[in-house]
Amino acid sequence: MAGIIDTIKLAGTLVLALPAAIAGLELVLIRGQTTFGVALIGLAVGLVAIQHWLTLPTDIPELLAKRFVGAITKDPDPDSEDER
């Protein structure tokens, strides 16, 4: 499940990636310049993929906090619930 911070990061990346993808589609479909169009579409896809998988130095405190909270709080076992 993505948190609010991850959603905001994705929205920020899409602000940059969507215009490049739209321009690439226009170049491919309307103007017939496939080389530049495919390059722009690849750039847009690459931006979103890198944002999703790349860990930046600013993300390290967030990752450490998630790992620390995960170690402290364990999910309850579904078998231990009371049957009513």
N, C-alpha and C. Protein backbone atom coordinates (compact mmCIF):
# COMPACT_ATOMS: atom_id res chain seq x y z
N MET A 1 0.83 -1.18 0.00
CA MET A 1 0.00 0.00 0.00
C MET A 1 0.88 1.25 0.00
N ALA A 2 0.60 2.14 -0.89
CA ALA A 2 1.39 3.36 -0.97
C ALA A 2 0.83 4.40 -0.01
N GLY A 3 1.73 5.10 0.65
CA GLY A 3 1.32 6.14 1.56
C GLY A 3 1.11 7.45 0.83
N ILE A 4 0.75 8.45 1.58
CA ILE A 4 0.48 9.77 1.00
C ILE A 4 1.75 10.38 0.43
N ILE A 5 2.89 10.13 1.07
CA ILE A 5 4.15 10.68 0.57
C ILE A 5 4.51 10.06 -0.78
N ASP A 6 4.31 8.74 -0.91
CA ASP A 6 4.59 8.08 -2.18
C ASP A 6 3.67 8.59 -3.28
N THR A 7 2.42 8.87 -2.94
CA THR A 7 1.47 9.39 -3.92
C THR A 7 1.87 10.78 -4.38
N ILE A 8 2.33 11.61 -3.47
CA ILE A 8 2.77 12.95 -3.82
C ILE A 8 4.02 12.90 -4.69
N LYS A 9 4.95 11.99 -4.38
CA LYS A 9 6.15 11.83 -5.20
C LYS A 9 5.80 11.38 -6.62
N LEU A 10 4.84 10.45 -6.72
CA LEU A 10 4.42 9.99 -8.05
C LEU A 10 3.75 11.12 -8.82
N ALA A 11 2.93 11.91 -8.16
CA ALA A 11 2.28 13.04 -8.84
C ALA A 11 3.31 14.05 -9.33
N GLY A 12 4.34 14.31 -8.55
CA GLY A 12 5.40 15.21 -8.97
C GLY A 12 6.16 14.69 -10.17
N THR A 13 6.38 13.39 -10.21
CA THR A 13 7.06 12.79 -11.35
C THR A 13 6.17 12.83 -12.59
N LEU A 14 4.89 12.59 -12.41
CA LEU A 14 3.98 12.61 -13.55
C LEU A 14 3.83 14.01 -14.14
N VAL A 15 4.02 15.04 -13.31
CA VAL A 15 3.98 16.42 -13.83
C VAL A 15 5.06 16.61 -14.89
N LEU A 16 6.19 15.95 -14.72
CA LEU A 16 7.26 16.05 -15.70
C LEU A 16 7.14 15.02 -16.82
N ALA A 17 6.63 13.83 -16.50
CA ALA A 17 6.61 12.74 -17.48
C ALA A 17 5.46 12.85 -18.47
N LEU A 18 4.30 13.30 -18.04
CA LEU A 18 3.15 13.35 -18.95
C LEU A 18 3.34 14.30 -20.13
N PRO A 19 3.86 15.51 -19.95
CA PRO A 19 4.07 16.35 -21.13
C PRO A 19 5.05 15.74 -22.13
N ALA A 20 6.08 15.06 -21.64
CA ALA A 20 7.02 14.40 -22.54
C ALA A 20 6.34 13.27 -23.30
N ALA A 21 5.51 12.50 -22.61
CA ALA A 21 4.81 11.39 -23.27
C ALA A 21 3.81 11.91 -24.30
N ILE A 22 3.10 12.97 -23.97
CA ILE A 22 2.13 13.54 -24.91
C ILE A 22 2.84 14.10 -26.14
N ALA A 23 3.95 14.78 -25.92
CA ALA A 23 4.72 15.30 -27.06
C ALA A 23 5.27 14.15 -27.90
N GLY A 24 5.70 13.09 -27.27
CA GLY A 24 6.18 11.92 -28.00
C GLY A 24 5.09 11.27 -28.83
N LEU A 25 3.90 11.17 -28.25
CA LEU A 25 2.78 10.61 -29.01
C LEU A 25 2.43 11.49 -30.21
N GLU A 26 2.47 12.80 -30.01
CA GLU A 26 2.19 13.71 -31.13
C GLU A 26 3.22 13.53 -32.24
N LEU A 27 4.49 13.43 -31.86
CA LEU A 27 5.53 13.26 -32.86
C LEU A 27 5.39 11.94 -33.62
N VAL A 28 5.01 10.89 -32.92
CA VAL A 28 4.88 9.59 -33.57
C VAL A 28 3.63 9.53 -34.44
N LEU A 29 2.50 9.92 -33.87
CA LEU A 29 1.23 9.71 -34.56
C LEU A 29 0.90 10.78 -35.59
N ILE A 30 1.22 12.03 -35.32
CA ILE A 30 0.78 13.11 -36.20
C ILE A 30 1.90 13.54 -37.15
N ARG A 31 3.08 13.78 -36.63
CA ARG A 31 4.16 14.32 -37.45
C ARG A 31 5.02 13.26 -38.13
N GLY A 32 4.92 12.03 -37.68
CA GLY A 32 5.68 10.96 -38.31
C GLY A 32 7.15 10.92 -37.96
N GLN A 33 7.56 11.61 -36.92
CA GLN A 33 8.96 11.61 -36.48
C GLN A 33 9.11 10.55 -35.38
N THR A 34 9.27 9.32 -35.82
CA THR A 34 9.25 8.22 -34.86
C THR A 34 10.45 8.20 -33.92
N THR A 35 11.60 8.60 -34.39
CA THR A 35 12.81 8.54 -33.56
C THR A 35 12.68 9.43 -32.33
N PHE A 36 12.33 10.68 -32.53
CA PHE A 36 12.21 11.61 -31.41
C PHE A 36 10.99 11.28 -30.56
N GLY A 37 9.93 10.83 -31.20
CA GLY A 37 8.72 10.48 -30.46
C GLY A 37 8.93 9.32 -29.52
N VAL A 38 9.55 8.27 -30.03
CA VAL A 38 9.83 7.10 -29.19
C VAL A 38 10.82 7.45 -28.09
N ALA A 39 11.77 8.33 -28.39
CA ALA A 39 12.73 8.76 -27.36
C ALA A 39 12.02 9.50 -26.23
N LEU A 40 11.07 10.36 -26.57
CA LEU A 40 10.34 11.09 -25.53
C LEU A 40 9.44 10.17 -24.72
N ILE A 41 8.82 9.22 -25.37
CA ILE A 41 7.98 8.26 -24.65
C ILE A 41 8.85 7.40 -23.73
N GLY A 42 10.01 6.99 -24.21
CA GLY A 42 10.94 6.23 -23.38
C GLY A 42 11.43 7.03 -22.19
N LEU A 43 11.67 8.32 -22.41
CA LEU A 43 12.08 9.19 -21.31
C LEU A 43 10.99 9.28 -20.25
N ALA A 44 9.75 9.42 -20.69
CA ALA A 44 8.63 9.52 -19.74
C ALA A 44 8.50 8.23 -18.92
N VAL A 45 8.57 7.10 -19.60
CA VAL A 45 8.47 5.81 -18.90
C VAL A 45 9.67 5.64 -17.96
N GLY A 46 10.84 6.04 -18.41
CA GLY A 46 12.03 5.95 -17.57
C GLY A 46 11.95 6.81 -16.32
N LEU A 47 11.40 8.01 -16.46
CA LEU A 47 11.24 8.88 -15.28
C LEU A 47 10.38 8.23 -14.22
N VAL A 48 9.26 7.66 -14.62
CA VAL A 48 8.36 7.03 -13.65
C VAL A 48 9.00 5.78 -13.06
N ALA A 49 9.66 4.99 -13.89
CA ALA A 49 10.30 3.77 -13.39
C ALA A 49 11.43 4.08 -12.43
N ILE A 50 12.26 5.05 -12.76
CA ILE A 50 13.38 5.41 -11.88
C ILE A 50 12.86 5.97 -10.55
N GLN A 51 11.82 6.78 -10.60
CA GLN A 51 11.25 7.33 -9.37
C GLN A 51 10.71 6.21 -8.50
N HIS A 52 10.17 5.18 -9.11
CA HIS A 52 9.57 4.08 -8.35
C HIS A 52 10.63 3.20 -7.70
N TRP A 53 11.74 2.90 -8.40
CA TRP A 53 12.72 1.95 -7.90
C TRP A 53 13.97 2.56 -7.31
N LEU A 54 14.28 3.81 -7.62
CA LEU A 54 15.51 4.42 -7.15
C LEU A 54 15.36 4.92 -5.72
N THR A 55 16.35 4.65 -4.90
CA THR A 55 16.37 5.15 -3.53
C THR A 55 17.32 6.33 -3.47
N LEU A 56 16.78 7.48 -3.11
CA LEU A 56 17.59 8.68 -2.99
C LEU A 56 18.07 8.85 -1.55
N PRO A 57 19.09 9.65 -1.32
CA PRO A 57 19.54 9.88 0.05
C PRO A 57 18.46 10.49 0.94
N THR A 58 17.54 11.23 0.36
CA THR A 58 16.46 11.81 1.17
C THR A 58 15.43 10.76 1.57
N ASP A 59 15.42 9.59 0.93
CA ASP A 59 14.47 8.53 1.27
C ASP A 59 14.96 7.62 2.39
N ILE A 60 16.22 7.71 2.74
CA ILE A 60 16.79 6.80 3.73
C ILE A 60 16.15 6.95 5.11
N PRO A 61 15.91 8.16 5.64
CA PRO A 61 15.24 8.23 6.95
C PRO A 61 13.83 7.62 6.93
N GLU A 62 13.12 7.79 5.83
CA GLU A 62 11.79 7.20 5.72
C GLU A 62 11.87 5.67 5.72
N LEU A 63 12.83 5.11 4.99
CA LEU A 63 13.00 3.66 4.96
C LEU A 63 13.40 3.11 6.32
N LEU A 64 14.28 3.81 7.01
CA LEU A 64 14.68 3.37 8.34
C LEU A 64 13.52 3.43 9.32
N ALA A 65 12.69 4.45 9.22
CA ALA A 65 11.53 4.56 10.11
C ALA A 65 10.55 3.43 9.84
N LYS A 66 10.30 3.10 8.57
CA LYS A 66 9.40 2.00 8.25
C LYS A 66 9.93 0.68 8.79
N ARG A 67 11.24 0.46 8.64
CA ARG A 67 11.84 -0.78 9.12
C ARG A 67 11.78 -0.85 10.64
N PHE A 68 12.01 0.28 11.32
CA PHE A 68 11.97 0.31 12.79
C PHE A 68 10.56 0.05 13.29
N VAL A 69 9.58 0.69 12.70
CA VAL A 69 8.19 0.50 13.12
C VAL A 69 7.74 -0.93 12.81
N GLY A 70 8.18 -1.48 11.69
CA GLY A 70 7.83 -2.86 11.36
C GLY A 70 8.43 -3.86 12.33
N ALA A 71 9.60 -3.54 12.88
CA ALA A 71 10.23 -4.44 13.84
C ALA A 71 9.55 -4.36 15.20
N ILE A 72 9.05 -3.19 15.54
CA ILE A 72 8.41 -3.00 16.84
C ILE A 72 6.99 -3.57 16.83
N THR A 73 6.21 -3.21 15.84
CA THR A 73 4.82 -3.65 15.78
C THR A 73 4.70 -4.80 14.80
N LYS A 74 4.24 -5.91 15.29
CA LYS A 74 4.02 -7.09 14.46
C LYS A 74 2.53 -7.19 14.14
N ASP A 75 2.22 -7.67 12.95
CA ASP A 75 0.83 -7.91 12.59
C ASP A 75 0.30 -9.08 13.40
N PRO A 76 -0.93 -8.97 13.90
CA PRO A 76 -1.47 -10.10 14.66
C PRO A 76 -1.73 -11.29 13.75
N ASP A 77 -1.58 -12.48 14.31
CA ASP A 77 -1.84 -13.69 13.55
C ASP A 77 -3.34 -13.82 13.31
N PRO A 78 -3.74 -14.20 12.10
CA PRO A 78 -5.18 -14.36 11.85
C PRO A 78 -5.77 -15.56 12.59
N ASP A 79 -4.93 -16.51 13.02
CA ASP A 79 -5.43 -17.68 13.73
C ASP A 79 -5.74 -17.36 15.19
N SER A 80 -5.19 -16.28 15.72
CA SER A 80 -5.37 -15.98 17.13
C SER A 80 -6.61 -15.15 17.41
N GLU A 81 -7.40 -14.85 16.40
CA GLU A 81 -8.62 -14.06 16.63
C GLU A 81 -9.67 -14.91 17.33
N ASP A 82 -10.46 -14.24 18.16
CA ASP A 82 -11.52 -14.94 18.87
C ASP A 82 -12.67 -15.26 17.91
N GLU A 83 -13.18 -16.48 18.01
CA GLU A 83 -14.33 -16.85 17.19
C GLU A 83 -15.59 -16.56 17.98
N ARG A 84 -16.54 -15.96 17.35
CA ARG A 84 -17.78 -15.60 18.05
C ARG A 84 -18.94 -16.32 17.44
